């Protein structure tokens, strides 16, 4: 105890209280699980090059040795089931309908492990008695992660990999023998006898373990979640097998942090219900879609969602390299100043890397190059529309179009409030709490991400270009969001959403009130 206390004091001095606490917890966990290191070692037996039979070819040609759950190699002369049935060749051909159905709906079993009918040979694991007692292993009852390591150590080399497969929902347990289909005479999984293979599940002799994956468009993402659809309307702007663009409504967080109190009222929770699962054969599909970036809770607009791991990596890199170009619309309380020295042309704005037409000479843009948190922050903006208001600063509300070059924390809101000294309408964080600001707070923040332009995460790779060339013209350009840029030889995605109706409603409402009551207000002041 004294040693832990002294370590904690040193860690607090070096790392801070929170990191020190996390370090101490991690130390305790490493000590707690140090006994399990033996499970991470290779099992004492070796596997042949093909440890399972492939029943997609000729099942009668079974001359290879098969592995049983006891950890012993038996020859094909054993008149029992093969230890592993591999259906992956059918999955590769998209003939997933002939695969055994998994659980929940939309999952199919691609590999089947038949456990021994008698007992498990625990001694083959090479564990000492203390580990066996701690894991509660008996010849008639073992944990699912240990069973996976026994039946297929080439795929589940460690306890952590076995547990990870269970957490992903890729493991299915069939209690007892399979059901025989009288019409086809094939063994099938009985859904009433199947349970989802969780980490804490126990396995008994005679059970069947299946490795399942989600296949087919009809499965959807919603089949993998255990909760009902949150009451959030999430329109889909663009979607393919790799990624999607959705129109995030204001008032919802993208994802909830621990203790955030948002529960399932998040964009992350509703994504499985709003998007379609990628088609069978799509490479490296994520278990559930995830947002690549974040929009603040009061901000609405285009949100980028990844559906595969390569798309997540590519889109994240585009954000990091500032390739993705975004456009925001906002209403500002007052008239933002436009100093002559900060005015730039459309060509200069284009050269900065924002989404503008360099040949448009009619538009002038304003540049804000003001560091935030000691990091470079650049915003290009222009005034689009003015509306008179009785309660606004300078008696005017301004609709502005903003294009951030960088992506600092609250960059647009801070640049307008701190640099231009004209905060966004409804910005309770940076509006200063003035009388004018308080008049508009109950209407929410008037900030929307209306457009986004990016490189397609797949179609610009050598393999992806082959897929692009194989598409028909309607498949390429039917959505209206894809375009091919001949100058850069890249497939681009350019999508947008309409401005929320509350923007125009506020401007019209304030203009009408000003026209109706301005004379009365002037007479009262006199």
Protein backbone atom coordinates (compact mmCIF):
# COMPACT_ATOMS: atom_id res chain seq x y z
CA UNK A 1 0.00 0.00 0.00
CA UNK A 2 2.83 2.42 0.87
CA UNK A 3 4.56 1.59 -2.39
CA UNK A 4 1.39 2.34 -4.37
CA UNK A 5 0.95 5.58 -2.46
CA UNK A 6 4.50 6.75 -3.18
CA UNK A 7 4.12 5.83 -6.86
CA UNK A 8 0.87 7.78 -7.00
CA UNK A 9 2.50 10.85 -5.47
CA UNK A 10 5.32 10.76 -8.03
CA UNK A 11 2.88 10.25 -10.89
CA UNK A 12 0.72 13.14 -9.72
CA UNK A 13 3.73 15.42 -9.74
CA UNK A 14 4.73 14.36 -13.24
CA UNK A 15 1.43 13.63 -14.95
CA UNK A 16 -1.31 15.36 -13.00
CA UNK A 17 -4.10 13.93 -10.90
CA UNK A 18 -6.24 12.41 -13.68
CA UNK A 19 -3.39 10.79 -15.58
CA UNK A 20 -1.88 9.51 -12.35
CA UNK A 21 -5.14 7.85 -11.41
CA UNK A 22 -5.41 6.26 -14.85
CA UNK A 23 -1.80 5.06 -14.60
CA UNK A 24 -2.42 3.46 -11.23
CA UNK A 25 -5.58 1.73 -12.45
CA UNK A 26 -3.71 0.41 -15.46
CA UNK A 27 -0.94 -0.87 -13.19
CA UNK A 28 -3.42 -2.73 -11.04
CA UNK A 29 -5.04 -4.27 -14.14
CA UNK A 30 -1.67 -5.41 -15.46
CA UNK A 31 -0.93 -7.07 -12.12
CA UNK A 32 -4.38 -8.64 -11.99
CA UNK A 33 -4.06 -10.20 -15.43
CA UNK A 34 -0.38 -11.10 -15.29
CA UNK A 35 -1.34 -14.68 -14.43
CA UNK A 36 -3.15 -14.94 -17.76
CA UNK A 37 0.05 -14.40 -19.72
CA UNK A 38 0.33 -18.13 -20.12
CA UNK A 39 -2.83 -18.03 -22.24
CA UNK A 40 -1.15 -15.66 -24.66
CA UNK A 41 1.55 -18.24 -25.50
CA UNK A 42 1.17 -20.61 -28.45
CA UNK A 43 -0.64 -23.81 -27.63
CA UNK A 44 1.50 -26.94 -27.26
CA UNK A 45 0.27 -28.55 -30.49
CA UNK A 46 0.80 -27.48 -34.09
CA UNK A 47 -1.81 -27.26 -36.80
CA UNK A 48 -1.57 -28.73 -40.30
CA UNK A 49 -1.60 -26.35 -43.23
CA UNK A 50 -5.35 -26.94 -43.75
CA UNK A 51 -6.90 -27.78 -40.35
CA UNK A 52 -10.50 -27.91 -41.62
CA UNK A 53 -12.48 -29.57 -44.35
CA UNK A 54 -13.96 -27.48 -47.11
CA UNK A 55 -17.49 -28.75 -47.67
CA UNK A 56 -17.94 -26.38 -50.59
CA UNK A 57 -16.01 -28.86 -52.74
CA UNK A 58 -16.46 -32.63 -52.55
CA UNK A 59 -17.17 -33.68 -48.93
CA UNK A 60 -16.36 -37.28 -49.73
CA UNK A 61 -12.71 -36.45 -50.40
CA UNK A 62 -11.64 -36.17 -46.81
CA UNK A 63 -8.06 -37.36 -46.62
CA UNK A 64 -6.68 -34.55 -44.48
CA UNK A 65 -6.35 -34.67 -40.69
CA UNK A 66 -8.93 -32.71 -38.73
CA UNK A 67 -8.56 -31.00 -35.36
CA UNK A 68 -10.86 -31.75 -32.47
CA UNK A 69 -11.49 -29.53 -29.48
CA UNK A 70 -9.35 -31.72 -27.24
CA UNK A 71 -6.26 -30.36 -28.93
CA UNK A 72 -5.36 -33.71 -30.45
CA UNK A 73 -4.96 -34.43 -34.16
CA UNK A 74 -7.11 -37.30 -35.36
CA UNK A 75 -7.09 -38.80 -38.81
CA UNK A 76 -9.99 -38.69 -41.22
CA UNK A 77 -10.74 -42.29 -40.33
CA UNK A 78 -12.62 -41.02 -37.29
CA UNK A 79 -16.31 -41.41 -38.27
CA UNK A 80 -17.39 -38.15 -36.68
CA UNK A 81 -17.99 -34.60 -37.75
CA UNK A 82 -15.08 -32.56 -38.98
CA UNK A 83 -13.81 -30.13 -36.42
CA UNK A 84 -14.17 -27.08 -38.67
CA UNK A 85 -16.50 -26.50 -41.61
CA UNK A 86 -15.37 -23.58 -43.77
CA UNK A 87 -17.95 -21.82 -45.97
CA UNK A 88 -15.83 -18.80 -46.90
CA UNK A 89 -15.63 -19.80 -50.57
CA UNK A 90 -19.39 -19.42 -50.83
CA UNK A 91 -19.19 -16.01 -49.15
CA UNK A 92 -16.52 -14.88 -51.62
CA UNK A 93 -18.90 -15.72 -54.46
CA UNK A 94 -21.67 -13.63 -52.85
CA UNK A 95 -23.72 -16.86 -52.58
CA UNK A 96 -24.40 -16.11 -48.95
CA UNK A 97 -28.03 -17.26 -49.09
CA UNK A 98 -26.86 -20.88 -48.99
CA UNK A 99 -24.83 -20.29 -45.84
CA UNK A 100 -26.19 -21.24 -42.41
CA UNK A 101 -28.09 -18.28 -40.96
CA UNK A 102 -26.65 -16.68 -37.87
CA UNK A 103 -28.13 -14.50 -35.17
CA UNK A 104 -29.42 -11.80 -35.37
CA UNK A 105 -31.00 -11.61 -38.82
CA UNK A 106 -28.58 -10.65 -41.57
CA UNK A 107 -25.66 -12.67 -40.18
CA UNK A 108 -24.41 -15.86 -41.82
CA UNK A 109 -22.08 -18.54 -40.47
CA UNK A 110 -18.89 -18.78 -42.53
CA UNK A 111 -16.99 -21.19 -40.30
CA UNK A 112 -18.27 -23.90 -37.99
CA UNK A 113 -16.41 -25.56 -35.11
CA UNK A 114 -17.80 -28.89 -33.85
CA UNK A 115 -16.72 -29.57 -30.28
CA UNK A 116 -16.05 -33.05 -28.93
CA UNK A 117 -19.05 -34.88 -27.55
CA UNK A 118 -17.30 -36.27 -24.47
CA UNK A 119 -15.11 -33.78 -22.64
CA UNK A 120 -12.41 -31.16 -23.03
CA UNK A 121 -8.76 -31.97 -22.53
CA UNK A 122 -7.80 -29.02 -20.34
CA UNK A 123 -4.28 -30.37 -19.81
CA UNK A 124 -3.51 -29.65 -23.47
CA UNK A 125 -3.64 -25.92 -22.73
CA UNK A 126 -0.60 -26.11 -20.48
CA UNK A 127 -2.20 -24.07 -17.68
CA UNK A 128 -1.29 -24.46 -14.05
CA UNK A 129 -3.89 -25.28 -11.46
CA UNK A 130 -4.26 -21.70 -10.25
CA UNK A 131 -5.18 -20.51 -13.77
CA UNK A 132 -7.65 -23.36 -14.19
CA UNK A 133 -9.30 -22.49 -10.88
CA UNK A 134 -9.41 -18.79 -11.67
CA UNK A 135 -11.04 -19.36 -15.07
CA UNK A 136 -13.34 -22.06 -13.62
CA UNK A 137 -12.33 -24.57 -16.29
CA UNK A 138 -13.53 -28.15 -16.05
CA UNK A 139 -13.62 -31.03 -18.57
CA UNK A 140 -17.34 -30.34 -18.97
CA UNK A 141 -17.38 -26.53 -18.83
CA UNK A 142 -14.97 -23.96 -20.27
CA UNK A 143 -15.22 -20.28 -21.19
CA UNK A 144 -15.94 -19.28 -24.80
CA UNK A 145 -12.64 -17.37 -25.36
CA UNK A 146 -10.66 -20.41 -24.19
CA UNK A 147 -12.73 -22.66 -26.45
CA UNK A 148 -11.95 -20.48 -29.46
CA UNK A 149 -8.24 -20.73 -28.70
CA UNK A 150 -8.54 -24.49 -28.53
CA UNK A 151 -10.45 -25.08 -31.77
CA UNK A 152 -8.70 -22.52 -33.99
CA UNK A 153 -5.43 -21.22 -32.47
CA UNK A 154 -4.31 -19.99 -35.89
CA UNK A 155 -7.05 -17.35 -35.89
CA UNK A 156 -7.47 -16.84 -32.15
CA UNK A 157 -3.88 -16.84 -30.97
CA UNK A 158 -4.58 -15.06 -27.69
CA UNK A 159 -7.30 -14.53 -25.15
CA UNK A 160 -7.62 -10.88 -26.17
CA UNK A 161 -8.30 -11.79 -29.82
CA UNK A 162 -10.93 -14.30 -28.77
CA UNK A 163 -12.64 -11.73 -26.56
CA UNK A 164 -12.50 -9.12 -29.32
CA UNK A 165 -14.29 -11.48 -31.72
CA UNK A 166 -16.98 -12.05 -29.10
CA UNK A 167 -17.46 -8.33 -28.48
CA UNK A 168 -17.85 -7.71 -32.21
CA UNK A 169 -20.74 -10.17 -32.34
CA UNK A 170 -18.85 -12.53 -34.67
CA UNK A 171 -19.32 -15.65 -32.54
CA UNK A 172 -22.45 -17.80 -32.30
CA UNK A 173 -23.05 -20.80 -30.02
CA UNK A 174 -25.46 -23.57 -30.96
CA UNK A 175 -26.42 -25.61 -27.93
CA UNK A 176 -26.28 -29.25 -28.90
CA UNK A 177 -26.39 -30.98 -32.27
CA UNK A 178 -27.55 -29.20 -35.38
CA UNK A 179 -31.02 -29.70 -36.86
CA UNK A 180 -31.30 -31.78 -40.04
CA UNK A 181 -33.31 -30.22 -42.87
CA UNK A 182 -35.57 -32.95 -44.23
CA UNK A 183 -35.80 -31.38 -47.69
CA UNK A 184 -32.09 -30.91 -48.32
CA UNK A 185 -30.76 -33.37 -45.73
CA UNK A 186 -28.32 -30.66 -44.61
CA UNK A 187 -27.54 -29.70 -41.04
CA UNK A 188 -28.80 -26.24 -40.15
CA UNK A 189 -28.60 -23.94 -37.15
CA UNK A 190 -31.76 -23.87 -35.06
CA UNK A 191 -32.30 -20.25 -34.02
CA UNK A 192 -34.09 -21.31 -30.85
CA UNK A 193 -30.94 -23.17 -29.74
CA UNK A 194 -28.51 -20.39 -30.70
CA UNK A 195 -27.11 -17.77 -28.35
CA UNK A 196 -24.89 -14.84 -29.14
CA UNK A 197 -21.32 -15.63 -28.18
CA UNK A 198 -20.57 -13.10 -25.46
CA UNK A 199 -17.28 -13.03 -23.59
CA UNK A 200 -18.84 -14.48 -20.45
CA UNK A 201 -20.59 -17.40 -22.16
CA UNK A 202 -19.65 -20.97 -21.20
CA UNK A 203 -19.19 -23.82 -23.66
CA UNK A 204 -20.09 -27.48 -23.05
CA UNK A 205 -19.23 -30.74 -24.88
CA UNK A 206 -21.37 -31.20 -27.96
CA UNK A 207 -21.90 -27.48 -28.56
CA UNK A 208 -21.33 -25.95 -31.99
CA UNK A 209 -19.39 -22.70 -32.29
CA UNK A 210 -19.93 -20.62 -35.42
CA UNK A 211 -18.02 -17.66 -36.79
CA UNK A 212 -20.60 -15.33 -38.32
CA UNK A 213 -20.40 -12.19 -40.40
CA UNK A 214 -23.01 -9.76 -41.64
CA UNK A 215 -23.81 -10.15 -45.34
CA UNK A 216 -26.33 -8.79 -47.79
CA UNK A 217 -28.00 -5.43 -48.13
CA UNK A 218 -31.17 -6.61 -46.45
CA UNK A 219 -29.35 -7.16 -43.17
CA UNK A 220 -28.74 -3.47 -42.54
CA UNK A 221 -26.84 -2.06 -39.61
CA UNK A 222 -29.89 -2.10 -37.33
CA UNK A 223 -29.62 -5.87 -36.93
CA UNK A 224 -26.48 -5.51 -34.79
CA UNK A 225 -27.86 -3.06 -32.23
CA UNK A 226 -29.97 -4.04 -29.25
CA UNK A 227 -31.94 -0.81 -28.83
CA UNK A 228 -34.79 0.89 -30.63
CA UNK A 229 -34.27 3.69 -33.10
CA UNK A 230 -33.83 7.03 -31.32
CA UNK A 231 -36.42 9.68 -32.30
CA UNK A 232 -33.94 11.62 -34.43
CA UNK A 233 -34.56 12.48 -38.08
CA UNK A 234 -31.26 12.07 -39.93
CA UNK A 235 -31.57 12.71 -43.70
CA UNK A 236 -28.95 11.04 -45.89
CA UNK A 237 -27.37 13.41 -48.42
CA UNK A 238 -25.11 10.87 -50.14
CA UNK A 239 -24.29 7.21 -49.50
CA UNK A 240 -22.30 4.38 -51.04
CA UNK A 241 -20.57 1.26 -49.71
CA UNK A 242 -17.60 3.24 -48.38
CA UNK A 243 -18.97 6.33 -46.68
CA UNK A 244 -21.97 8.60 -46.35
CA UNK A 245 -22.89 12.25 -45.85
CA UNK A 246 -25.80 13.01 -43.54
CA UNK A 247 -27.60 16.20 -42.56
CA UNK A 248 -27.16 16.53 -38.80
CA UNK A 249 -29.99 18.38 -37.04
CA UNK A 250 -29.19 20.99 -34.40
CA UNK A 251 -29.62 20.07 -30.75
CA UNK A 252 -27.93 16.64 -30.82
CA UNK A 253 -24.35 15.65 -30.05
CA UNK A 254 -22.46 13.49 -32.52
CA UNK A 255 -21.37 11.09 -29.79
CA UNK A 256 -21.70 11.11 -26.03
CA UNK A 257 -18.72 11.01 -23.72
CA UNK A 258 -18.73 9.10 -20.45
CA UNK A 259 -21.12 10.74 -18.02
CA UNK A 260 -22.44 13.09 -20.71
CA UNK A 261 -26.03 12.22 -19.92
CA UNK A 262 -27.12 12.04 -23.57
CA UNK A 263 -27.87 8.30 -23.58
CA UNK A 264 -29.02 7.15 -27.01
CA UNK A 265 -29.99 10.66 -28.14
CA UNK A 266 -26.84 10.95 -30.25
CA UNK A 267 -26.04 10.88 -33.95
CA UNK A 268 -23.85 7.82 -33.39
CA UNK A 269 -26.82 5.90 -31.98
CA UNK A 270 -29.11 6.66 -34.93
CA UNK A 271 -26.56 5.96 -37.69
CA UNK A 272 -27.22 2.17 -37.83
CA UNK A 273 -30.88 2.92 -38.56
CA UNK A 274 -30.28 5.68 -41.12
CA UNK A 275 -27.63 4.02 -43.30
CA UNK A 276 -27.50 0.85 -45.36
CA UNK A 277 -24.89 -1.81 -44.73
CA UNK A 278 -22.25 -2.20 -47.48
CA UNK A 279 -22.87 -4.91 -50.05
CA UNK A 280 -21.41 -8.38 -49.57
CA UNK A 281 -17.78 -8.48 -50.63
CA UNK A 282 -16.96 -4.93 -49.53
CA UNK A 283 -13.45 -4.92 -48.07
CA UNK A 284 -12.85 -4.24 -44.36
CA UNK A 285 -16.35 -3.17 -43.35
CA UNK A 286 -16.66 -1.48 -39.96
CA UNK A 287 -19.01 -3.15 -37.51
CA UNK A 288 -21.06 0.04 -37.36
CA UNK A 289 -20.71 3.39 -39.14
CA UNK A 290 -18.77 6.13 -37.38
CA UNK A 291 -18.36 9.88 -37.86
CA UNK A 292 -15.05 11.07 -39.24
CA UNK A 293 -15.31 14.51 -37.66
CA UNK A 294 -17.59 16.34 -35.26
CA UNK A 295 -20.11 19.16 -35.31
CA UNK A 296 -21.05 20.97 -32.11
CA UNK A 297 -24.39 20.14 -30.53
CA UNK A 298 -26.12 23.40 -31.60
CA UNK A 299 -24.63 23.25 -35.12
CA UNK A 300 -26.50 21.62 -38.00
CA UNK A 301 -25.38 20.54 -41.44
CA UNK A 302 -23.29 18.06 -43.41
CA UNK A 303 -21.55 15.35 -41.38
CA UNK A 304 -19.12 12.85 -42.92
CA UNK A 305 -19.58 9.18 -41.93
CA UNK A 306 -17.22 6.26 -42.67
CA UNK A 307 -18.52 2.74 -43.28
CA UNK A 308 -15.23 0.93 -43.94
CA UNK A 309 -11.84 1.14 -42.29
CA UNK A 310 -10.01 2.28 -45.46
CA UNK A 311 -12.57 5.08 -45.88
CA UNK A 312 -12.12 6.14 -42.26
CA UNK A 313 -8.34 6.29 -42.70
CA UNK A 314 -8.55 8.14 -46.02
CA UNK A 315 -11.10 10.72 -44.89
CA UNK A 316 -9.27 11.33 -41.61
CA UNK A 317 -6.10 11.96 -43.60
CA UNK A 318 -7.95 14.39 -45.87
CA UNK A 319 -9.11 16.36 -42.83
CA UNK A 320 -5.58 16.31 -41.43
CA UNK A 321 -4.05 17.46 -44.73
CA UNK A 322 -6.80 20.11 -45.17
CA UNK A 323 -7.97 18.62 -48.45
CA UNK A 324 -11.62 18.61 -47.44
CA UNK A 325 -13.27 21.99 -48.03
CA UNK A 326 -16.29 23.01 -45.99
CA UNK A 327 -18.72 25.92 -46.20
CA UNK A 328 -20.78 27.32 -43.32
CA UNK A 329 -23.62 29.81 -43.17
CA UNK A 330 -24.33 31.84 -40.05
CA UNK A 331 -26.24 34.89 -38.84
CA UNK A 332 -24.12 37.48 -37.05
CA UNK A 333 -25.40 39.97 -34.51
CA UNK A 334 -24.33 43.26 -36.08
CA UNK A 335 -22.36 44.31 -39.13
CA UNK A 336 -18.90 42.67 -39.24
CA UNK A 337 -16.16 45.13 -40.21
CA UNK A 338 -14.46 44.64 -43.56
CA UNK A 339 -11.11 46.46 -43.42
CA UNK A 340 -9.59 47.10 -46.83
CA UNK A 341 -6.33 45.38 -45.88
CA UNK A 342 -8.22 42.15 -45.14
CA UNK A 343 -10.20 42.03 -48.39
CA UNK A 344 -9.03 39.39 -50.91
CA UNK A 345 -10.23 38.34 -54.36
CA UNK A 346 -11.87 35.03 -55.22
CA UNK A 347 -8.65 33.88 -56.88
CA UNK A 348 -6.64 34.62 -53.73
CA UNK A 349 -9.22 32.79 -51.64
CA UNK A 350 -9.03 29.81 -54.01
CA UNK A 351 -5.25 29.74 -53.68
CA UNK A 352 -5.65 29.54 -49.90
CA UNK A 353 -7.43 26.22 -50.41
CA UNK A 354 -11.09 27.04 -49.81
CA UNK A 355 -14.03 26.13 -52.03
CA UNK A 356 -14.61 29.23 -54.18
CA UNK A 357 -14.77 29.89 -57.92
CA UNK A 358 -11.45 31.57 -58.82
CA UNK A 359 -12.97 33.06 -61.97
CA UNK A 360 -15.77 34.88 -60.16
CA UNK A 361 -14.68 38.51 -60.10
CA UNK A 362 -17.96 39.76 -58.66
CA UNK A 363 -17.32 38.43 -55.15
CA UNK A 364 -14.91 39.84 -52.61
CA UNK A 365 -13.87 37.88 -49.56
CA UNK A 366 -12.53 38.85 -46.16
CA UNK A 367 -9.59 37.08 -44.55
CA UNK A 368 -9.20 36.40 -40.83
CA UNK A 369 -5.74 35.08 -40.02
CA UNK A 370 -5.75 35.07 -36.24
CA UNK A 371 -4.12 32.25 -34.20
CA UNK A 372 -6.28 30.45 -31.65
CA UNK A 373 -4.74 28.64 -28.70
CA UNK A 374 -1.31 29.48 -30.14
CA UNK A 375 -2.09 27.62 -33.36
CA UNK A 376 -2.70 28.96 -36.85
CA UNK A 377 -6.36 29.63 -37.64
CA UNK A 378 -7.56 30.98 -41.00
CA UNK A 379 -11.15 31.82 -41.99
CA UNK A 380 -12.43 33.30 -45.25
CA UNK A 381 -15.85 34.95 -45.13
CA UNK A 382 -18.20 37.34 -46.89
CA UNK A 383 -21.49 39.06 -46.10
CA UNK A 384 -24.43 37.65 -48.07
CA UNK A 385 -27.48 39.49 -46.76
CA UNK A 386 -28.43 42.17 -44.23
CA UNK A 387 -31.66 42.50 -42.26
CA UNK A 388 -32.69 45.40 -40.02
CA UNK A 389 -33.48 44.52 -36.41
CA UNK A 390 -34.70 46.44 -33.39
CA UNK A 391 -32.53 44.50 -30.93
CA UNK A 392 -29.40 43.65 -32.91
CA UNK A 393 -26.05 45.40 -32.56
CA UNK A 394 -25.87 48.31 -35.02
CA UNK A 395 -29.55 47.63 -35.68
CA UNK A 396 -28.62 44.95 -38.21
CA UNK A 397 -28.37 41.16 -38.56
CA UNK A 398 -25.94 39.82 -41.16
CA UNK A 399 -26.09 36.51 -42.99
CA UNK A 400 -22.48 35.48 -43.66
CA UNK A 401 -20.82 32.68 -45.63
CA UNK A 402 -17.70 31.29 -43.97
CA UNK A 403 -15.05 28.91 -45.26
CA UNK A 404 -12.51 27.69 -42.69
CA UNK A 405 -9.04 26.79 -43.94
CA UNK A 406 -8.13 25.29 -40.58
CA UNK A 407 -10.29 23.48 -38.05
CA UNK A 408 -9.57 24.86 -34.60
CA UNK A 409 -11.91 24.49 -31.65
CA UNK A 410 -14.94 26.79 -32.17
CA UNK A 411 -12.89 28.59 -34.83
CA UNK A 412 -15.74 30.29 -36.69
CA UNK A 413 -17.56 31.33 -33.54
CA UNK A 414 -14.40 32.69 -31.91
CA UNK A 415 -13.17 34.51 -35.00
CA UNK A 416 -16.46 36.36 -35.44
CA UNK A 417 -16.89 37.12 -31.75
CA UNK A 418 -13.29 37.94 -30.79
CA UNK A 419 -11.78 39.29 -34.01
CA UNK A 420 -14.77 40.92 -35.70
CA UNK A 421 -16.46 41.62 -32.34
CA UNK A 422 -19.78 40.51 -33.82
CA UNK A 423 -20.84 37.17 -32.27
CA UNK A 424 -23.09 34.64 -33.90
CA UNK A 425 -26.76 34.88 -33.03
CA UNK A 426 -27.61 32.43 -30.27
CA UNK A 427 -24.00 31.77 -29.27
CA UNK A 428 -24.31 31.53 -25.50
CA UNK A 429 -20.57 30.93 -25.10
CA UNK A 430 -19.09 33.91 -26.95
CA UNK A 431 -21.92 36.47 -27.24
CA UNK A 432 -20.84 38.25 -24.04
CA UNK A 433 -24.25 38.04 -22.39
CA UNK A 434 -25.26 41.53 -23.51
CA UNK A 435 -28.87 42.68 -23.61
CA UNK A 436 -28.88 42.33 -27.39
CA UNK A 437 -27.44 38.82 -27.23
CA UNK A 438 -29.93 37.65 -24.61
CA UNK A 439 -32.81 38.65 -26.89
CA UNK A 440 -31.83 35.92 -29.38
CA UNK A 441 -30.53 33.13 -27.17
CA UNK A 442 -33.81 31.23 -26.97
CA UNK A 443 -33.75 30.69 -30.75
CA UNK A 444 -30.60 28.54 -30.70
CA UNK A 445 -27.31 28.92 -32.53
CA UNK A 446 -27.54 30.09 -36.14
CA UNK A 447 -24.66 28.12 -37.65
CA UNK A 448 -24.99 25.47 -40.36
CA UNK A 449 -22.48 23.45 -42.39
CA UNK A 450 -24.12 23.75 -45.81
CA UNK A 451 -21.54 22.32 -48.25
CA UNK A 452 -18.59 19.97 -48.35
CA UNK A 453 -16.12 19.04 -51.06
CA UNK A 454 -13.72 16.10 -50.80
CA UNK A 455 -11.90 13.40 -52.74
CA UNK A 456 -13.74 10.10 -52.89
CA UNK A 457 -11.98 7.80 -50.40
CA UNK A 458 -11.97 4.76 -52.73
CA UNK A 459 -12.37 5.66 -56.40
CA UNK A 460 -9.00 7.43 -56.58
CA UNK A 461 -6.93 4.35 -55.72
CA UNK A 462 -5.77 1.96 -58.51
CA UNK A 463 -8.32 -0.69 -57.52
CA UNK A 464 -11.01 1.89 -56.89
CA UNK A 465 -10.46 3.47 -60.31
CA UNK A 466 -11.20 0.09 -61.90
CA UNK A 467 -14.47 -0.03 -60.02
CA UNK A 468 -15.24 3.56 -61.06
CA UNK A 469 -14.62 2.76 -64.73
CA UNK A 470 -16.94 -0.24 -64.53
CA UNK A 471 -19.87 1.89 -63.36
CA UNK A 472 -22.50 3.18 -65.74
CA UNK A 473 -23.04 6.89 -66.28
CA UNK A 474 -26.18 6.84 -64.16
CA UNK A 475 -24.33 5.11 -61.33
CA UNK A 476 -21.53 7.64 -61.52
CA UNK A 477 -23.48 10.87 -61.76
CA UNK A 478 -27.05 9.93 -60.92
CA UNK A 479 -26.74 11.12 -57.32
CA UNK A 480 -25.57 14.56 -58.40
CA UNK A 481 -22.80 14.48 -55.81
CA UNK A 482 -19.99 12.79 -57.75
CA UNK A 483 -17.92 14.56 -60.37
CA UNK A 484 -14.68 13.82 -62.17
CA UNK A 485 -12.05 16.57 -62.12
CA UNK A 486 -9.91 16.28 -65.26
CA UNK A 487 -7.35 18.79 -63.98
CA UNK A 488 -6.45 16.65 -60.96
CA UNK A 489 -7.61 13.29 -62.42
CA UNK A 490 -9.62 12.61 -59.27
CA UNK A 491 -13.18 11.60 -58.47
CA UNK A 492 -14.61 14.31 -56.24
CA UNK A 493 -17.65 14.42 -53.98
CA UNK A 494 -19.47 17.73 -53.67
CA UNK A 495 -22.69 17.85 -51.68
CA UNK A 496 -24.76 20.39 -49.85
CA UNK A 497 -27.89 20.87 -47.78
CA UNK A 498 -30.44 23.70 -47.86
CA UNK A 499 -30.20 26.37 -45.23
CA UNK A 500 -32.52 25.58 -42.29
CA UNK A 501 -35.80 27.44 -42.49
CA UNK A 502 -35.16 29.17 -39.16
CA UNK A 503 -32.48 31.35 -40.81
CA UNK A 504 -34.79 33.02 -43.31
CA UNK A 505 -37.58 33.05 -40.75
CA UNK A 506 -35.49 35.07 -38.27
CA UNK A 507 -34.35 37.58 -40.90
CA UNK A 508 -37.87 38.15 -42.17
CA UNK A 509 -39.32 38.38 -38.67
CA UNK A 510 -36.78 40.96 -37.54
CA UNK A 511 -37.19 43.00 -40.73
CA UNK A 512 -40.97 43.12 -40.35
CA UNK A 513 -40.76 44.10 -36.70
CA UNK A 514 -38.27 46.83 -37.52
CA UNK A 515 -40.49 48.22 -40.28
CA UNK A 516 -43.51 48.13 -37.98
CA UNK A 517 -42.08 49.49 -34.75
CA UNK A 518 -39.02 51.56 -35.73
CA UNK A 519 -40.94 54.85 -35.95
CA UNK A 520 -42.61 54.18 -32.60
CA UNK A 521 -39.24 53.43 -30.98
CA UNK A 522 -37.71 56.67 -32.33
CA UNK A 523 -40.64 58.72 -31.01
CA UNK A 524 -40.28 57.07 -27.59
CA UNK A 525 -36.56 57.91 -27.46
CA UNK A 526 -37.26 61.56 -28.31
